[in-house]
Amino acid sequence: MSMKRFFYLIPVLALLACKKRELPVPKHQQGNINKVSIPMTSSYKYQIYFSLKNNAIMKQQLKTLWDICFHCKSKKIILNSSKMMFAMKTNFTNFSDVTDSTGFQQGKRYDSPTGNLDSTAIGNWENDNKVYIIDRGFNENGQHLGFKKLKIVSFNNQTFTFSVADLNDSQGQTFQVLQDTNYNFIGFSFQDNQIKIIEPPKTEWDIVFTQYTERLSQPYLVLGCLLNRYNTYATVTKQVTFESLNYNTALNYSLSSNINIIGYNWKEYDFNSSSYIVFSNFTYIIRDSENYYYKLRFIDFYNSNGEKGYPTFEFQRL
């Protein structure tokens, strides 16, 4: 009888302090209007994390770097939506009973694009310890990345224990991932079976530009802007112009924690011109984790060479 291989993976991460304000900061002098272009490139292959406070890209990585993420404040697990990943819970508890993807198309699920952790494809795994079939989705060239089997074994002392295998593998490998509350999530890649630090510390960024799976008439891969899940809120207005929106006006709006509240539809493909049109009359109000308010609008989707995939926006701290 062969012994199952076991790997223990713990990220070495610096501890960061964060002071949370309960109320919006007092009125203060506005910042300058900043113009930023995000280099997603025409293949949309990157995930790019941006800090409004620092007016800087904080991290840039290939969207194919990771497959699943472990939440650092709960038992929830998410899929990499930027690759259009799906999961299906089988009726089996042993890897050896799952050998192919039969029934996957009928039973597959994907994570809610709003970021609601109660609406994930994997869901409440701890109730029955079933084996999941994971569709790894597609890379930036549209190539399918295949399937894996996943079983979450346990969660103890802030540590996830889980097993991963190919569909034709009855044993698999077992790993452990430790939560780190300086981050929203800790990632893991099925490609090299390694932990991935997929985002900056949660207090150091506000929005991320990435492809993600949106719920249209069917699941569809779009390029958009998502919020940081850590105490970051936003909304959109078409009634108040970017130029006239101020701090007092912003305070009158109810903000949403849905991570796709900015989303993808600040642009639209025009089939007559075979190009994207950007709606610069959409003004977004964002409140960051330090309770500072910002206004933001998109003004372009192309670089100076006419290449798509370069979302360009203006923003100002209110």
Protein backbone atom coordinates (compact mmCIF):
# COMPACT_ATOMS: atom_id res chain seq x y z
CA MET A 1 0.00 0.00 0.00
CA SER A 2 1.55 3.32 -1.05
CA MET A 3 1.76 6.19 1.36
CA LYS A 4 0.08 9.43 0.35
CA ARG A 5 2.53 12.25 -0.24
CA PHE A 6 2.15 15.25 2.07
CA PHE A 7 3.38 18.78 1.56
CA TYR A 8 3.20 21.55 4.14
CA LEU A 9 3.25 25.02 2.64
CA ILE A 10 3.26 28.12 4.83
CA PRO A 11 3.87 31.59 3.38
CA VAL A 12 6.37 33.77 5.19
CA LEU A 13 4.60 37.11 5.33
CA ALA A 14 5.35 40.40 7.07
CA LEU A 15 2.88 41.63 9.68
CA LEU A 16 1.23 44.91 8.85
CA ALA A 17 -0.78 47.14 11.17
CA CYS A 18 -3.99 48.83 10.08
CA LYS A 19 -6.10 51.39 11.90
CA LYS A 20 -9.75 51.32 10.82
CA ARG A 21 -11.78 54.53 10.93
CA GLU A 22 -15.48 54.18 11.67
CA LEU A 23 -16.59 57.46 10.06
CA PRO A 24 -15.63 59.37 6.90
CA VAL A 25 -12.64 61.60 7.46
CA PRO A 26 -13.44 65.30 8.03
CA LYS A 27 -13.65 67.56 5.01
CA HIS A 28 -10.20 68.43 3.77
CA GLN A 29 -8.42 69.90 0.77
CA GLN A 30 -9.03 68.06 -2.48
CA GLY A 31 -6.23 66.28 -4.25
CA ASN A 32 -5.13 66.84 -7.80
CA ILE A 33 -6.83 65.21 -10.78
CA ASN A 34 -4.67 62.27 -11.85
CA LYS A 35 -4.72 60.48 -15.18
CA VAL A 36 -3.73 56.80 -15.29
CA SER A 37 -3.45 54.17 -18.02
CA ILE A 38 -3.46 50.51 -16.97
CA PRO A 39 -1.41 48.23 -19.30
CA MET A 40 -3.64 45.15 -19.53
CA THR A 41 -2.46 44.67 -23.16
CA SER A 42 -4.71 43.36 -25.93
CA SER A 43 -4.70 39.81 -24.53
CA TYR A 44 -5.95 41.02 -21.10
CA LYS A 45 -3.43 38.65 -19.55
CA TYR A 46 -2.68 40.60 -16.38
CA GLN A 47 -4.25 41.32 -13.03
CA ILE A 48 -3.17 44.80 -11.96
CA TYR A 49 -3.73 46.15 -8.43
CA PHE A 50 -3.94 49.91 -8.01
CA SER A 51 -3.79 52.23 -4.99
CA LEU A 52 -5.71 55.49 -5.28
CA LYS A 53 -3.96 56.92 -2.22
CA ASN A 54 -0.53 56.26 -3.71
CA ASN A 55 -1.56 56.82 -7.33
CA ALA A 56 0.44 53.72 -8.16
CA ILE A 57 0.24 50.17 -9.44
CA MET A 58 1.00 48.03 -6.40
CA LYS A 59 1.20 44.61 -8.08
CA GLN A 60 1.00 43.16 -11.59
CA GLN A 61 0.84 39.47 -12.39
CA LEU A 62 -0.35 37.01 -15.01
CA LYS A 63 -3.98 36.02 -14.47
CA THR A 64 -2.94 32.36 -14.86
CA LEU A 65 -0.71 32.51 -11.76
CA TRP A 66 -3.30 30.87 -9.47
CA ASP A 67 -6.36 28.63 -9.44
CA ILE A 68 -8.01 28.81 -6.03
CA CYS A 69 -7.81 31.18 -3.08
CA PHE A 70 -8.35 30.60 0.62
CA HIS A 71 -10.08 33.38 2.53
CA CYS A 72 -8.08 34.69 5.46
CA LYS A 73 -11.04 35.36 7.77
CA SER A 74 -13.38 32.42 7.06
CA LYS A 75 -13.47 28.88 5.65
CA LYS A 76 -14.48 30.12 2.20
CA ILE A 77 -12.60 29.19 -0.98
CA ILE A 78 -12.91 30.99 -4.31
CA LEU A 79 -12.01 30.15 -7.90
CA ASN A 80 -9.95 32.25 -10.27
CA SER A 81 -12.80 34.02 -12.06
CA SER A 82 -10.38 35.62 -14.55
CA LYS A 83 -9.92 32.21 -16.20
CA MET A 84 -13.67 31.35 -16.20
CA MET A 85 -13.27 28.51 -13.74
CA PHE A 86 -16.09 26.21 -12.59
CA ALA A 87 -16.52 23.61 -9.87
CA MET A 88 -18.88 20.70 -9.29
CA LYS A 89 -19.42 18.87 -6.03
CA THR A 90 -19.60 15.12 -6.66
CA ASN A 91 -21.42 12.52 -4.58
CA PHE A 92 -18.14 10.83 -3.64
CA THR A 93 -15.72 11.24 -0.74
CA ASN A 94 -12.83 9.23 -2.23
CA PHE A 95 -10.60 10.34 -5.10
CA SER A 96 -10.61 6.80 -6.50
CA ASP A 97 -14.37 7.05 -7.18
CA VAL A 98 -13.98 10.09 -9.44
CA THR A 99 -12.20 9.26 -12.69
CA ASP A 100 -13.71 11.61 -15.30
CA SER A 101 -15.86 14.71 -15.71
CA THR A 102 -19.16 12.93 -16.35
CA GLY A 103 -22.09 15.18 -15.44
CA PHE A 104 -19.88 18.23 -15.04
CA GLN A 105 -21.69 20.43 -17.58
CA GLN A 106 -25.00 19.90 -15.82
CA GLY A 107 -23.70 20.37 -12.28
CA LYS A 108 -20.99 23.02 -12.62
CA ARG A 109 -21.13 26.30 -10.70
CA TYR A 110 -19.14 29.51 -10.66
CA ASP A 111 -18.54 32.19 -8.04
CA SER A 112 -20.91 35.13 -7.82
CA PRO A 113 -19.37 38.12 -9.64
CA THR A 114 -20.51 40.34 -6.75
CA GLY A 115 -17.91 38.71 -4.52
CA ASN A 116 -20.55 37.36 -2.12
CA LEU A 117 -18.75 34.63 -0.17
CA ASP A 118 -22.07 32.89 0.49
CA SER A 119 -22.41 32.31 -3.27
CA THR A 120 -19.24 30.48 -4.24
CA ALA A 121 -18.94 27.45 -6.50
CA ILE A 122 -17.30 25.37 -3.78
CA GLY A 123 -19.67 26.57 -1.07
CA ASN A 124 -19.86 24.98 2.37
CA TRP A 125 -17.36 22.18 1.82
CA GLU A 126 -17.06 21.28 5.51
CA ASN A 127 -20.56 19.78 5.70
CA ASP A 128 -19.84 16.55 3.85
CA ASN A 129 -16.18 16.39 2.66
CA LYS A 130 -17.09 15.59 -0.93
CA VAL A 131 -14.66 15.51 -3.85
CA TYR A 132 -14.97 18.45 -6.26
CA ILE A 133 -14.19 18.45 -9.95
CA ILE A 134 -12.51 21.74 -10.88
CA ASP A 135 -12.47 23.14 -14.40
CA ARG A 136 -9.28 25.26 -14.52
CA GLY A 137 -10.68 27.47 -17.28
CA PHE A 138 -8.65 29.10 -20.04
CA ASN A 139 -5.39 30.97 -20.44
CA GLU A 140 -5.08 34.30 -22.26
CA ASN A 141 -4.78 32.48 -25.61
CA GLY A 142 -8.08 30.65 -25.13
CA GLN A 143 -6.46 27.28 -24.42
CA HIS A 144 -8.33 25.08 -21.96
CA LEU A 145 -6.23 24.24 -18.89
CA GLY A 146 -7.90 20.95 -18.02
CA PHE A 147 -9.52 19.49 -14.92
CA LYS A 148 -8.44 18.68 -11.38
CA LYS A 149 -9.96 16.89 -8.42
CA LEU A 150 -10.06 18.73 -5.10
CA LYS A 151 -11.00 17.66 -1.60
CA ILE A 152 -10.88 20.00 1.39
CA VAL A 153 -9.86 17.73 4.24
CA SER A 154 -10.06 20.05 7.23
CA PHE A 155 -9.65 23.52 8.71
CA ASN A 156 -7.86 23.77 12.05
CA ASN A 157 -5.78 26.48 13.73
CA GLN A 158 -6.23 28.85 10.77
CA THR A 159 -4.89 26.15 8.44
CA PHE A 160 -6.62 24.61 5.42
CA THR A 161 -5.66 21.01 4.60
CA PHE A 162 -6.65 19.87 1.11
CA SER A 163 -5.83 17.26 -1.50
CA VAL A 164 -5.41 17.77 -5.25
CA ALA A 165 -5.21 15.20 -8.06
CA ASP A 166 -5.59 14.71 -11.79
CA LEU A 167 -8.81 12.97 -12.78
CA ASN A 168 -6.97 9.70 -13.44
CA ASP A 169 -5.02 9.82 -10.14
CA SER A 170 -6.51 7.92 -7.19
CA GLN A 171 -4.00 9.22 -4.62
CA GLY A 172 -3.16 12.86 -5.23
CA GLN A 173 -1.08 15.13 -3.04
CA THR A 174 -2.03 16.84 0.21
CA PHE A 175 -1.13 20.41 1.11
CA GLN A 176 -1.69 22.94 3.85
CA VAL A 177 -2.21 26.69 3.62
CA LEU A 178 -2.11 29.02 6.60
CA GLN A 179 -4.36 32.09 6.75
CA ASP A 180 -2.71 35.49 7.05
CA THR A 181 -5.09 38.31 7.99
CA ASN A 182 -2.83 40.92 6.42
CA TYR A 183 -4.32 39.67 3.14
CA ASN A 184 -7.83 39.00 1.86
CA PHE A 185 -6.80 35.65 0.38
CA ILE A 186 -3.88 33.29 -0.03
CA GLY A 187 -3.71 31.67 -3.47
CA PHE A 188 -2.70 28.24 -4.70
CA SER A 189 -1.73 27.04 -8.18
CA PHE A 190 -2.55 23.60 -9.56
CA GLN A 191 0.12 24.15 -12.20
CA ASP A 192 3.09 23.89 -9.82
CA ASN A 193 1.35 23.04 -6.52
CA GLN A 194 2.65 26.20 -4.88
CA ILE A 195 1.20 28.91 -2.67
CA LYS A 196 0.83 32.24 -4.45
CA ILE A 197 0.62 35.68 -2.92
CA ILE A 198 -1.80 37.02 -5.49
CA GLU A 199 -2.52 40.49 -4.15
CA PRO A 200 -0.82 43.21 -2.10
CA PRO A 201 -1.62 43.44 1.62
CA LYS A 202 -5.30 44.36 1.88
CA THR A 203 -4.64 47.89 3.23
CA GLU A 204 -2.37 48.79 0.31
CA TRP A 205 -4.71 48.74 -2.70
CA ASP A 206 -8.22 49.79 -3.73
CA ILE A 207 -9.12 48.43 -7.18
CA VAL A 208 -7.89 45.65 -9.45
CA PHE A 209 -8.11 45.53 -13.24
CA THR A 210 -8.70 41.99 -14.45
CA GLN A 211 -10.86 39.75 -16.54
CA TYR A 212 -13.59 38.09 -14.50
CA THR A 213 -16.64 35.90 -15.07
CA GLU A 214 -19.79 38.01 -15.17
CA ARG A 215 -23.38 36.79 -15.08
CA LEU A 216 -24.99 37.87 -18.36
CA SER A 217 -27.40 35.62 -20.28
CA GLN A 218 -24.77 33.01 -19.48
CA PRO A 219 -21.36 33.12 -17.74
CA TYR A 220 -19.19 35.43 -19.81
CA LEU A 221 -15.58 36.58 -19.49
CA VAL A 222 -15.28 40.37 -19.37
CA LEU A 223 -12.52 42.85 -18.61
CA GLY A 224 -13.32 45.20 -15.78
CA CYS A 225 -12.42 46.87 -12.53
CA LEU A 226 -13.15 45.16 -9.20
CA LEU A 227 -13.07 46.55 -5.66
CA ASN A 228 -10.84 45.48 -2.83
CA ARG A 229 -13.05 43.40 -0.51
CA TYR A 230 -11.53 45.04 2.56
CA ASN A 231 -13.76 47.95 3.66
CA THR A 232 -13.91 49.43 0.16
CA TYR A 233 -17.21 50.70 -1.25
CA ALA A 234 -18.39 52.38 -4.44
CA THR A 235 -21.31 53.47 -6.57
CA VAL A 236 -21.91 55.11 -9.95
CA THR A 237 -23.86 58.21 -10.94
CA LYS A 238 -24.85 59.52 -14.35
CA GLN A 239 -26.71 62.55 -12.97
CA VAL A 240 -23.70 64.43 -11.58
CA THR A 241 -20.72 65.17 -13.81
CA PHE A 242 -17.18 64.30 -12.83
CA GLU A 243 -16.26 67.99 -12.77
CA SER A 244 -19.09 69.05 -10.45
CA LEU A 245 -19.09 66.11 -8.03
CA ASN A 246 -17.60 67.17 -4.69
CA TYR A 247 -17.14 65.83 -1.17
CA ASN A 248 -20.53 66.98 0.12
CA THR A 249 -22.30 65.49 -2.88
CA ALA A 250 -20.48 62.19 -2.47
CA LEU A 251 -21.69 61.86 1.13
CA ASN A 252 -25.29 61.74 -0.11
CA TYR A 253 -24.79 58.49 -2.01
CA SER A 254 -25.31 54.97 -0.70
CA LEU A 255 -22.29 52.84 -1.54
CA SER A 256 -22.08 49.13 -2.32
CA SER A 257 -19.57 46.50 -1.26
CA ASN A 258 -20.22 44.40 -4.38
CA ILE A 259 -16.79 44.00 -5.89
CA ASN A 260 -18.19 44.36 -9.44
CA ILE A 261 -20.01 47.65 -8.75
CA ILE A 262 -17.59 49.37 -11.17
CA GLY A 263 -17.31 46.24 -13.27
CA TYR A 264 -17.05 46.19 -17.04
CA ASN A 265 -19.87 48.28 -18.52
CA TRP A 266 -18.10 51.65 -18.49
CA LYS A 267 -17.27 50.60 -22.04
CA GLU A 268 -19.21 49.01 -24.88
CA TYR A 269 -18.20 47.43 -28.17
CA ASP A 270 -19.50 49.34 -31.19
CA PHE A 271 -19.94 46.95 -34.11
CA ASN A 272 -20.26 49.84 -36.58
CA SER A 273 -16.79 51.18 -35.81
CA SER A 274 -15.35 47.82 -34.65
CA SER A 275 -14.02 49.51 -31.54
CA TYR A 276 -14.83 50.15 -27.90
CA ILE A 277 -16.69 53.26 -26.76
CA VAL A 278 -15.99 54.51 -23.24
CA PHE A 279 -18.76 56.21 -21.26
CA SER A 280 -16.97 59.13 -19.66
CA ASN A 281 -20.29 60.41 -18.29
CA PHE A 282 -20.28 57.57 -15.73
CA THR A 283 -18.81 58.98 -12.53
CA TYR A 284 -17.77 56.49 -9.84
CA ILE A 285 -17.60 57.37 -6.16
CA ILE A 286 -15.19 55.21 -4.15
CA ARG A 287 -14.58 55.15 -0.40
CA ASP A 288 -11.35 53.42 0.56
CA SER A 289 -10.49 51.43 3.68
CA GLU A 290 -9.32 54.62 5.41
CA ASN A 291 -12.68 56.28 4.61
CA TYR A 292 -11.31 58.76 2.10
CA TYR A 293 -13.60 59.52 -0.84
CA TYR A 294 -12.53 59.57 -4.48
CA LYS A 295 -14.27 60.25 -7.77
CA LEU A 296 -13.24 58.40 -10.92
CA ARG A 297 -14.24 58.24 -14.57
CA PHE A 298 -12.94 56.27 -17.55
CA ILE A 299 -11.86 58.22 -20.62
CA ASP A 300 -10.22 55.69 -22.97
CA PHE A 301 -9.56 52.01 -23.64
CA TYR A 302 -6.72 52.36 -26.17
CA ASN A 303 -3.08 53.39 -25.99
CA SER A 304 -1.41 55.92 -28.29
CA ASN A 305 -0.82 53.18 -30.89
CA GLY A 306 -4.53 52.32 -31.02
CA GLU A 307 -4.07 49.02 -29.17
CA LYS A 308 -7.00 47.98 -26.95
CA GLY A 309 -6.55 46.82 -23.38
CA TYR A 310 -5.29 50.05 -21.82
CA PRO A 311 -8.09 51.32 -19.56
CA THR A 312 -7.45 54.98 -18.94
CA PHE A 313 -9.16 56.91 -16.16
CA GLU A 314 -9.08 60.14 -14.22
CA PHE A 315 -9.53 60.27 -10.47
CA GLN A 316 -9.38 62.79 -7.65
CA ARG A 317 -9.48 62.54 -3.89
CA LEU A 318 -12.41 64.58 -2.60
